[in-house]
Amino acid sequence: MNNNSLKNSSSGKASTWFLFLILVAAGITGFKFGKAYFDNATLKSEVEEIAERHLLEEAYPLIENIIPTAQMYGINLKPKAIIYNINSRRDQIKVGFSYTKDIDLYVYKYPLKLSMQISKNMAKERNILENFKTEVEGSSTRSEQRKANAIKKAFGK
């Protein structure tokens, strides 16, 4: 064997390891960014549930429930950062906020800016509840009253 073949084989191994390290770094980076976007999508669905419940139950606090939910995902929100609007009939809500999530890339923290806009229209659900309440209150026979009370009890209304 001559010296050239030894140099070529060792430089080939080095470039293979270098390529492998680049692929591993790209995989870790992709995982961290993917997790941040997945957390954002999961948080969005949880905020939608909180907004729906706030529309159906006035006593259920909106901001006081969004902030701890966001903290579970490592997001520190200030109450003033959450903007929401509820129409006069209380059947539509819009919630929005922006935040920055730091992606730890071991040698650098990348500030990823994310925002969330949610709009829920609960007119159909509100009409069903109103009709249900009317039916329960308007039940005439005793068996209808028992059925209505059992349904009322099951739904907690």
Foldseek 3Di string as FASTA:
>chain_A
DDPVVVVVVVVVVVVVVVVVVVVVLVVVLVVLVVVVVVLVVVLQVVLVVLLVVCLVPVVRDNLVVSQVSVVVVVWHDDSVQWDKDADPVSQKMKIKGKGWDWRCSPVDTDTDIDMDIDIGGRPVVVVVVVVLVVQQVPDDDPVSVVVSVVVCVVVVD
